[in-house]
Amino acid sequence: MALLGQSVLAWSLFAYLVAAIPMGVLVGLVRGVDIRRLGSGNIGATNVLRTGNKGAAFATLLLDGGKGALAVMIARCLLAEDAAQLAGLAAFVGHLFPVWLGFKGGKGVATFLGTLLALAWPAGLAACATWAVVALVTRISSLSALVAAALAVVWAALLGHGDLTFLIVAMATLVFYKHLPNIARIQAGTEPRIGQK
């Protein structure tokens, strides 16, 4: 049991360190751009999209989502389901607070969705659909993320994944925390729209 506990902690630390690699920054640097000096300065796909390169934004989205998904799937295969949840949380925290960037990371939306898809794909798909619908209606990425994060726990419960409640609430709370400036801009009517450079 002690060995299993050590393996879980070791894998969670590894998941954190890998997820702390800023994919948006790396994708930008490949194109000769430091994404932290453009737009909102955020390292996520939405800010990469503001450079006008949809391919780079899509690559960032997949890479950031893959952080959480891979951490969950590998931990599930090698250890256990509880370990998968912990690894997913560690990867999520790694993206939000990456040691490689002085703990100043992204807002966690793609990693949140990737983690949820790997843990319980029906709930993950429902959360992704929620984001897509709100984005289509409002054209505001941050609002879409907030609604998707808030409703994710509802989808999980309705689809038979109530065991994920604590994890989803914890991640959703962090998503809201990272979006506090966005919430203020939404209230003020100054939040940028999707595709706006």
C-alpha atoms as a PDB file:
ATOM      1  CA  MET A   1       0.000   0.000   0.000  1.00  0.00           C
ATOM      2  CA  ALA A   2       2.839   2.379   0.876  1.00  0.00           C
ATOM      3  CA  LEU A   3       4.505   1.609  -2.453  1.00  0.00           C
ATOM      4  CA  LEU A   4       1.266   2.362  -4.297  1.00  0.00           C
ATOM      5  CA  GLY A   5       0.946   5.653  -2.438  1.00  0.00           C
ATOM      6  CA  GLN A   6       4.499   6.580  -3.391  1.00  0.00           C
ATOM      7  CA  SER A   7       3.798   5.663  -7.028  1.00  0.00           C
ATOM      8  CA  VAL A   8       0.672   7.843  -7.059  1.00  0.00           C
ATOM      9  CA  LEU A   9       2.551  10.812  -5.620  1.00  0.00           C
ATOM     10  CA  ALA A  10       5.481  10.303  -7.999  1.00  0.00           C
ATOM     11  CA  TRP A  11       3.215  10.121 -11.031  1.00  0.00           C
ATOM     12  CA  SER A  12       1.238  13.178  -9.877  1.00  0.00           C
ATOM     13  CA  LEU A  13       4.463  15.146  -9.550  1.00  0.00           C
ATOM     14  CA  PHE A  14       5.530  14.020 -13.010  1.00  0.00           C
ATOM     15  CA  ALA A  15       2.099  14.965 -14.410  1.00  0.00           C
ATOM     16  CA  TYR A  16       2.428  18.413 -12.836  1.00  0.00           C
ATOM     17  CA  LEU A  17       5.914  18.995 -14.271  1.00  0.00           C
ATOM     18  CA  VAL A  18       4.950  17.883 -17.785  1.00  0.00           C
ATOM     19  CA  ALA A  19       1.705  19.863 -17.778  1.00  0.00           C
ATOM     20  CA  ALA A  20       3.655  22.897 -16.591  1.00  0.00           C
ATOM     21  CA  ILE A  21       5.359  23.018 -20.008  1.00  0.00           C
ATOM     22  CA  PRO A  22       3.717  26.080 -21.657  1.00  0.00           C
ATOM     23  CA  MET A  23       2.522  24.713 -24.992  1.00  0.00           C
ATOM     24  CA  GLY A  24       1.152  28.048 -26.169  1.00  0.00           C
ATOM     25  CA  VAL A  25       4.530  29.680 -25.598  1.00  0.00           C
ATOM     26  CA  LEU A  26       6.324  26.901 -27.484  1.00  0.00           C
ATOM     27  CA  VAL A  27       3.884  27.042 -30.407  1.00  0.00           C
ATOM     28  CA  GLY A  28       4.353  30.801 -30.550  1.00  0.00           C
ATOM     29  CA  LEU A  29       8.130  30.580 -30.437  1.00  0.00           C
ATOM     30  CA  VAL A  30       8.085  28.172 -33.391  1.00  0.00           C
ATOM     31  CA  ARG A  31       6.488  31.029 -35.318  1.00  0.00           C
ATOM     32  CA  GLY A  32       8.891  33.603 -33.847  1.00  0.00           C
ATOM     33  CA  VAL A  33       6.257  35.116 -31.538  1.00  0.00           C
ATOM     34  CA  ASP A  34       6.237  35.423 -27.748  1.00  0.00           C
ATOM     35  CA  ILE A  35       2.528  35.012 -27.022  1.00  0.00           C
ATOM     36  CA  ARG A  36       3.018  36.505 -23.563  1.00  0.00           C
ATOM     37  CA  ARG A  37       3.680  39.882 -25.206  1.00  0.00           C
ATOM     38  CA  LEU A  38       0.556  39.850 -27.373  1.00  0.00           C
ATOM     39  CA  GLY A  39      -3.144  40.312 -26.702  1.00  0.00           C
ATOM     40  CA  SER A  40      -4.044  39.424 -23.133  1.00  0.00           C
ATOM     41  CA  GLY A  41      -0.607  37.912 -22.510  1.00  0.00           C
ATOM     42  CA  ASN A  42      -2.255  34.597 -21.673  1.00  0.00           C
ATOM     43  CA  ILE A  43      -0.554  31.409 -22.888  1.00  0.00           C
ATOM     44  CA  GLY A  44      -3.735  29.615 -23.956  1.00  0.00           C
ATOM     45  CA  ALA A  45      -5.354  28.905 -27.314  1.00  0.00           C
ATOM     46  CA  THR A  46      -7.700  31.914 -27.240  1.00  0.00           C
ATOM     47  CA  ASN A  47      -4.821  34.359 -27.059  1.00  0.00           C
ATOM     48  CA  VAL A  48      -2.880  32.413 -29.697  1.00  0.00           C
ATOM     49  CA  LEU A  49      -5.943  32.799 -31.929  1.00  0.00           C
ATOM     50  CA  ARG A  50      -5.637  36.564 -31.568  1.00  0.00           C
ATOM     51  CA  THR A  51      -2.404  36.359 -33.563  1.00  0.00           C
ATOM     52  CA  GLY A  52      -4.581  35.409 -36.515  1.00  0.00           C
ATOM     53  CA  ASN A  53      -3.164  31.904 -36.895  1.00  0.00           C
ATOM     54  CA  LYS A  54      -5.983  29.365 -36.466  1.00  0.00           C
ATOM     55  CA  GLY A  55      -3.644  26.412 -36.937  1.00  0.00           C
ATOM     56  CA  ALA A  56      -1.408  27.534 -34.085  1.00  0.00           C
ATOM     57  CA  ALA A  57      -4.445  28.123 -31.873  1.00  0.00           C
ATOM     58  CA  PHE A  58      -5.819  24.658 -32.662  1.00  0.00           C
ATOM     59  CA  ALA A  59      -2.443  23.050 -31.946  1.00  0.00           C
ATOM     60  CA  THR A  60      -2.283  24.852 -28.600  1.00  0.00           C
ATOM     61  CA  LEU A  61      -5.824  23.715 -27.780  1.00  0.00           C
ATOM     62  CA  LEU A  62      -4.999  20.070 -28.505  1.00  0.00           C
ATOM     63  CA  LEU A  63      -1.692  20.148 -26.645  1.00  0.00           C
ATOM     64  CA  ASP A  64      -3.160  21.820 -23.567  1.00  0.00           C
ATOM     65  CA  GLY A  65      -6.129  19.457 -23.540  1.00  0.00           C
ATOM     66  CA  GLY A  66      -3.806  16.515 -24.032  1.00  0.00           C
ATOM     67  CA  LYS A  67      -1.908  17.355 -20.864  1.00  0.00           C
ATOM     68  CA  GLY A  68      -4.794  16.412 -18.623  1.00  0.00           C
ATOM     69  CA  ALA A  69      -6.053  13.558 -20.792  1.00  0.00           C
ATOM     70  CA  LEU A  70      -2.708  11.780 -20.987  1.00  0.00           C
ATOM     71  CA  ALA A  71      -2.050  12.173 -17.270  1.00  0.00           C
ATOM     72  CA  VAL A  72      -5.402  10.562 -16.509  1.00  0.00           C
ATOM     73  CA  MET A  73      -5.115   7.716 -19.019  1.00  0.00           C
ATOM     74  CA  ILE A  74      -1.583   6.709 -18.061  1.00  0.00           C
ATOM     75  CA  ALA A  75      -2.328   6.846 -14.325  1.00  0.00           C
ATOM     76  CA  ARG A  76      -5.459   4.762 -14.893  1.00  0.00           C
ATOM     77  CA  CYS A  77      -3.502   2.110 -16.803  1.00  0.00           C
ATOM     78  CA  LEU A  78      -0.535   1.974 -14.470  1.00  0.00           C
ATOM     79  CA  LEU A  79      -2.172   2.585 -11.098  1.00  0.00           C
ATOM     80  CA  ALA A  80      -5.897   3.017 -10.331  1.00  0.00           C
ATOM     81  CA  GLU A  81      -8.943   5.231 -10.921  1.00  0.00           C
ATOM     82  CA  ASP A  82      -8.291   7.344  -7.819  1.00  0.00           C
ATOM     83  CA  ALA A  83      -4.750   7.877  -9.063  1.00  0.00           C
ATOM     84  CA  ALA A  84      -6.177   8.993 -12.412  1.00  0.00           C
ATOM     85  CA  GLN A  85      -8.213  11.709 -10.722  1.00  0.00           C
ATOM     86  CA  LEU A  86      -5.223  12.910  -8.719  1.00  0.00           C
ATOM     87  CA  ALA A  87      -2.989  12.906 -11.795  1.00  0.00           C
ATOM     88  CA  GLY A  88      -5.595  14.885 -13.734  1.00  0.00           C
ATOM     89  CA  LEU A  89      -5.762  17.458 -10.957  1.00  0.00           C
ATOM     90  CA  ALA A  90      -1.963  17.656 -10.816  1.00  0.00           C
ATOM     91  CA  ALA A  91      -1.754  18.239 -14.568  1.00  0.00           C
ATOM     92  CA  PHE A  92      -4.467  20.895 -14.351  1.00  0.00           C
ATOM     93  CA  VAL A  93      -2.611  22.703 -11.564  1.00  0.00           C
ATOM     94  CA  GLY A  94       0.611  22.397 -13.549  1.00  0.00           C
ATOM     95  CA  HIS A  95      -0.967  24.252 -16.455  1.00  0.00           C
ATOM     96  CA  LEU A  96      -2.385  26.972 -14.200  1.00  0.00           C
ATOM     97  CA  PHE A  97       0.716  27.456 -12.068  1.00  0.00           C
ATOM     98  CA  PRO A  98       3.733  26.225 -14.079  1.00  0.00           C
ATOM     99  CA  VAL A  99       7.023  26.173 -12.240  1.00  0.00           C
ATOM    100  CA  TRP A 100       8.804  26.865 -15.550  1.00  0.00           C
ATOM    101  CA  LEU A 101       7.095  30.278 -15.882  1.00  0.00           C
ATOM    102  CA  GLY A 102       7.281  31.422 -12.293  1.00  0.00           C
ATOM    103  CA  PHE A 103       3.836  29.908 -11.583  1.00  0.00           C
ATOM    104  CA  LYS A 104       2.147  32.267 -14.060  1.00  0.00           C
ATOM    105  CA  GLY A 105       0.231  29.992 -16.401  1.00  0.00           C
ATOM    106  CA  GLY A 106      -2.911  29.685 -18.444  1.00  0.00           C
ATOM    107  CA  LYS A 107      -6.554  29.751 -17.426  1.00  0.00           C
ATOM    108  CA  GLY A 108      -7.012  26.014 -17.658  1.00  0.00           C
ATOM    109  CA  VAL A 109     -10.037  25.640 -19.914  1.00  0.00           C
ATOM    110  CA  ALA A 110      -8.551  23.207 -22.452  1.00  0.00           C
ATOM    111  CA  THR A 111      -6.780  21.213 -19.741  1.00  0.00           C
ATOM    112  CA  PHE A 112      -9.989  21.116 -17.692  1.00  0.00           C
ATOM    113  CA  LEU A 113     -11.939  19.753 -20.655  1.00  0.00           C
ATOM    114  CA  GLY A 114      -9.200  17.292 -21.633  1.00  0.00           C
ATOM    115  CA  THR A 115      -9.051  15.950 -18.081  1.00  0.00           C
ATOM    116  CA  LEU A 116     -12.826  15.584 -17.913  1.00  0.00           C
ATOM    117  CA  LEU A 117     -12.987  13.855 -21.303  1.00  0.00           C
ATOM    118  CA  ALA A 118     -10.450  11.272 -20.161  1.00  0.00           C
ATOM    119  CA  LEU A 119     -12.107  10.705 -16.787  1.00  0.00           C
ATOM    120  CA  ALA A 120     -15.696  10.492 -18.039  1.00  0.00           C
ATOM    121  CA  TRP A 121     -16.089  11.161 -21.760  1.00  0.00           C
ATOM    122  CA  PRO A 122     -19.908  11.645 -21.722  1.00  0.00           C
ATOM    123  CA  ALA A 123     -19.598  14.417 -19.138  1.00  0.00           C
ATOM    124  CA  GLY A 124     -16.600  15.797 -21.012  1.00  0.00           C
ATOM    125  CA  LEU A 125     -18.508  15.902 -24.283  1.00  0.00           C
ATOM    126  CA  ALA A 126     -21.428  17.633 -22.565  1.00  0.00           C
ATOM    127  CA  ALA A 127     -19.068  20.261 -21.151  1.00  0.00           C
ATOM    128  CA  CYS A 128     -17.448  20.761 -24.568  1.00  0.00           C
ATOM    129  CA  ALA A 129     -20.899  21.120 -26.162  1.00  0.00           C
ATOM    130  CA  THR A 130     -21.825  23.682 -23.502  1.00  0.00           C
ATOM    131  CA  TRP A 131     -18.732  25.703 -24.341  1.00  0.00           C
ATOM    132  CA  ALA A 132     -19.497  25.500 -28.065  1.00  0.00           C
ATOM    133  CA  VAL A 133     -23.122  26.595 -27.722  1.00  0.00           C
ATOM    134  CA  VAL A 134     -22.327  29.551 -25.471  1.00  0.00           C
ATOM    135  CA  ALA A 135     -19.429  30.554 -27.747  1.00  0.00           C
ATOM    136  CA  LEU A 136     -21.671  30.377 -30.803  1.00  0.00           C
ATOM    137  CA  VAL A 137     -24.295  32.578 -29.168  1.00  0.00           C
ATOM    138  CA  THR A 138     -22.087  35.116 -27.380  1.00  0.00           C
ATOM    139  CA  ARG A 139     -18.706  34.938 -29.212  1.00  0.00           C
ATOM    140  CA  ILE A 140     -17.060  35.332 -25.799  1.00  0.00           C
ATOM    141  CA  SER A 141     -14.575  32.555 -25.001  1.00  0.00           C
ATOM    142  CA  SER A 142     -14.242  33.356 -21.298  1.00  0.00           C
ATOM    143  CA  LEU A 143     -18.003  33.327 -20.724  1.00  0.00           C
ATOM    144  CA  SER A 144     -18.234  30.012 -22.565  1.00  0.00           C
ATOM    145  CA  ALA A 145     -15.519  28.590 -20.323  1.00  0.00           C
ATOM    146  CA  LEU A 146     -17.204  29.788 -17.143  1.00  0.00           C
ATOM    147  CA  VAL A 147     -20.594  28.327 -18.090  1.00  0.00           C
ATOM    148  CA  ALA A 148     -19.015  25.038 -19.184  1.00  0.00           C
ATOM    149  CA  ALA A 149     -17.027  24.768 -15.940  1.00  0.00           C
ATOM    150  CA  ALA A 150     -20.051  25.627 -13.806  1.00  0.00           C
ATOM    151  CA  LEU A 151     -22.301  23.069 -15.522  1.00  0.00           C
ATOM    152  CA  ALA A 152     -19.686  20.303 -15.715  1.00  0.00           C
ATOM    153  CA  VAL A 153     -20.545  19.020 -12.240  1.00  0.00           C
ATOM    154  CA  VAL A 154     -24.219  18.915 -13.220  1.00  0.00           C
ATOM    155  CA  TRP A 155     -23.477  16.929 -16.377  1.00  0.00           C
ATOM    156  CA  ALA A 156     -21.264  14.527 -14.437  1.00  0.00           C
ATOM    157  CA  ALA A 157     -23.998  13.894 -11.852  1.00  0.00           C
ATOM    158  CA  LEU A 158     -26.722  13.444 -14.473  1.00  0.00           C
ATOM    159  CA  LEU A 159     -24.563  11.054 -16.497  1.00  0.00           C
ATOM    160  CA  GLY A 160     -23.662   8.822 -13.572  1.00  0.00           C
ATOM    161  CA  HIS A 161     -20.271  10.209 -12.600  1.00  0.00           C
ATOM    162  CA  GLY A 162     -21.043  11.679  -9.210  1.00  0.00           C
ATOM    163  CA  ASP A 163     -17.722  10.321  -7.938  1.00  0.00           C
ATOM    164  CA  LEU A 164     -16.044  13.172  -9.815  1.00  0.00           C
ATOM    165  CA  THR A 165     -17.963  15.894  -7.954  1.00  0.00           C
ATOM    166  CA  PHE A 166     -15.139  16.995  -5.650  1.00  0.00           C
ATOM    167  CA  LEU A 167     -12.559  17.042  -8.430  1.00  0.00           C
ATOM    168  CA  ILE A 168     -14.779  18.959 -10.854  1.00  0.00           C
ATOM    169  CA  VAL A 169     -15.784  21.521  -8.225  1.00  0.00           C
ATOM    170  CA  ALA A 170     -12.121  22.038  -7.324  1.00  0.00           C
ATOM    171  CA  MET A 171     -11.100  22.531 -10.952  1.00  0.00           C
ATOM    172  CA  ALA A 172     -14.108  24.736 -11.747  1.00  0.00           C
ATOM    173  CA  THR A 173     -13.292  26.926  -8.745  1.00  0.00           C
ATOM    174  CA  LEU A 174      -9.766  27.415 -10.072  1.00  0.00           C
ATOM    175  CA  VAL A 175     -11.124  28.202 -13.550  1.00  0.00           C
ATOM    176  CA  PHE A 176     -13.297  30.940 -12.031  1.00  0.00           C
ATOM    177  CA  TYR A 177     -10.360  32.236  -9.995  1.00  0.00           C
ATOM    178  CA  LYS A 178      -8.165  32.514 -13.083  1.00  0.00           C
ATOM    179  CA  HIS A 179     -10.998  34.272 -14.927  1.00  0.00           C
ATOM    180  CA  LEU A 180     -11.651  37.002 -12.334  1.00  0.00           C
ATOM    181  CA  PRO A 181     -10.318  39.759 -14.652  1.00  0.00           C
ATOM    182  CA  ASN A 182     -12.469  38.365 -17.478  1.00  0.00           C
ATOM    183  CA  ILE A 183     -15.536  38.379 -15.242  1.00  0.00           C
ATOM    184  CA  ALA A 184     -14.920  42.056 -14.491  1.00  0.00           C
ATOM    185  CA  ARG A 185     -14.634  42.829 -18.218  1.00  0.00           C
ATOM    186  CA  ILE A 186     -17.764  40.820 -19.006  1.00  0.00           C
ATOM    187  CA  GLN A 187     -19.665  42.877 -16.450  1.00  0.00           C
ATOM    188  CA  ALA A 188     -18.245  46.060 -17.933  1.00  0.00           C
ATOM    189  CA  GLY A 189     -19.039  44.964 -21.487  1.00  0.00           C
ATOM    190  CA  THR A 190     -15.399  45.206 -22.574  1.00  0.00           C
ATOM    191  CA  GLU A 191     -14.451  41.528 -22.890  1.00  0.00           C
ATOM    192  CA  PRO A 192     -12.956  40.772 -26.351  1.00  0.00           C
ATOM    193  CA  ARG A 193     -14.882  38.530 -28.746  1.00  0.00           C
ATOM    194  CA  ILE A 194     -13.568  35.306 -30.272  1.00  0.00           C
ATOM    195  CA  GLY A 195     -11.366  36.031 -33.273  1.00  0.00           C
ATOM    196  CA  GLN A 196     -10.734  39.621 -32.263  1.00  0.00           C
ATOM    197  CA  LYS A 197      -7.055  40.487 -32.665  1.00  0.00           C
END
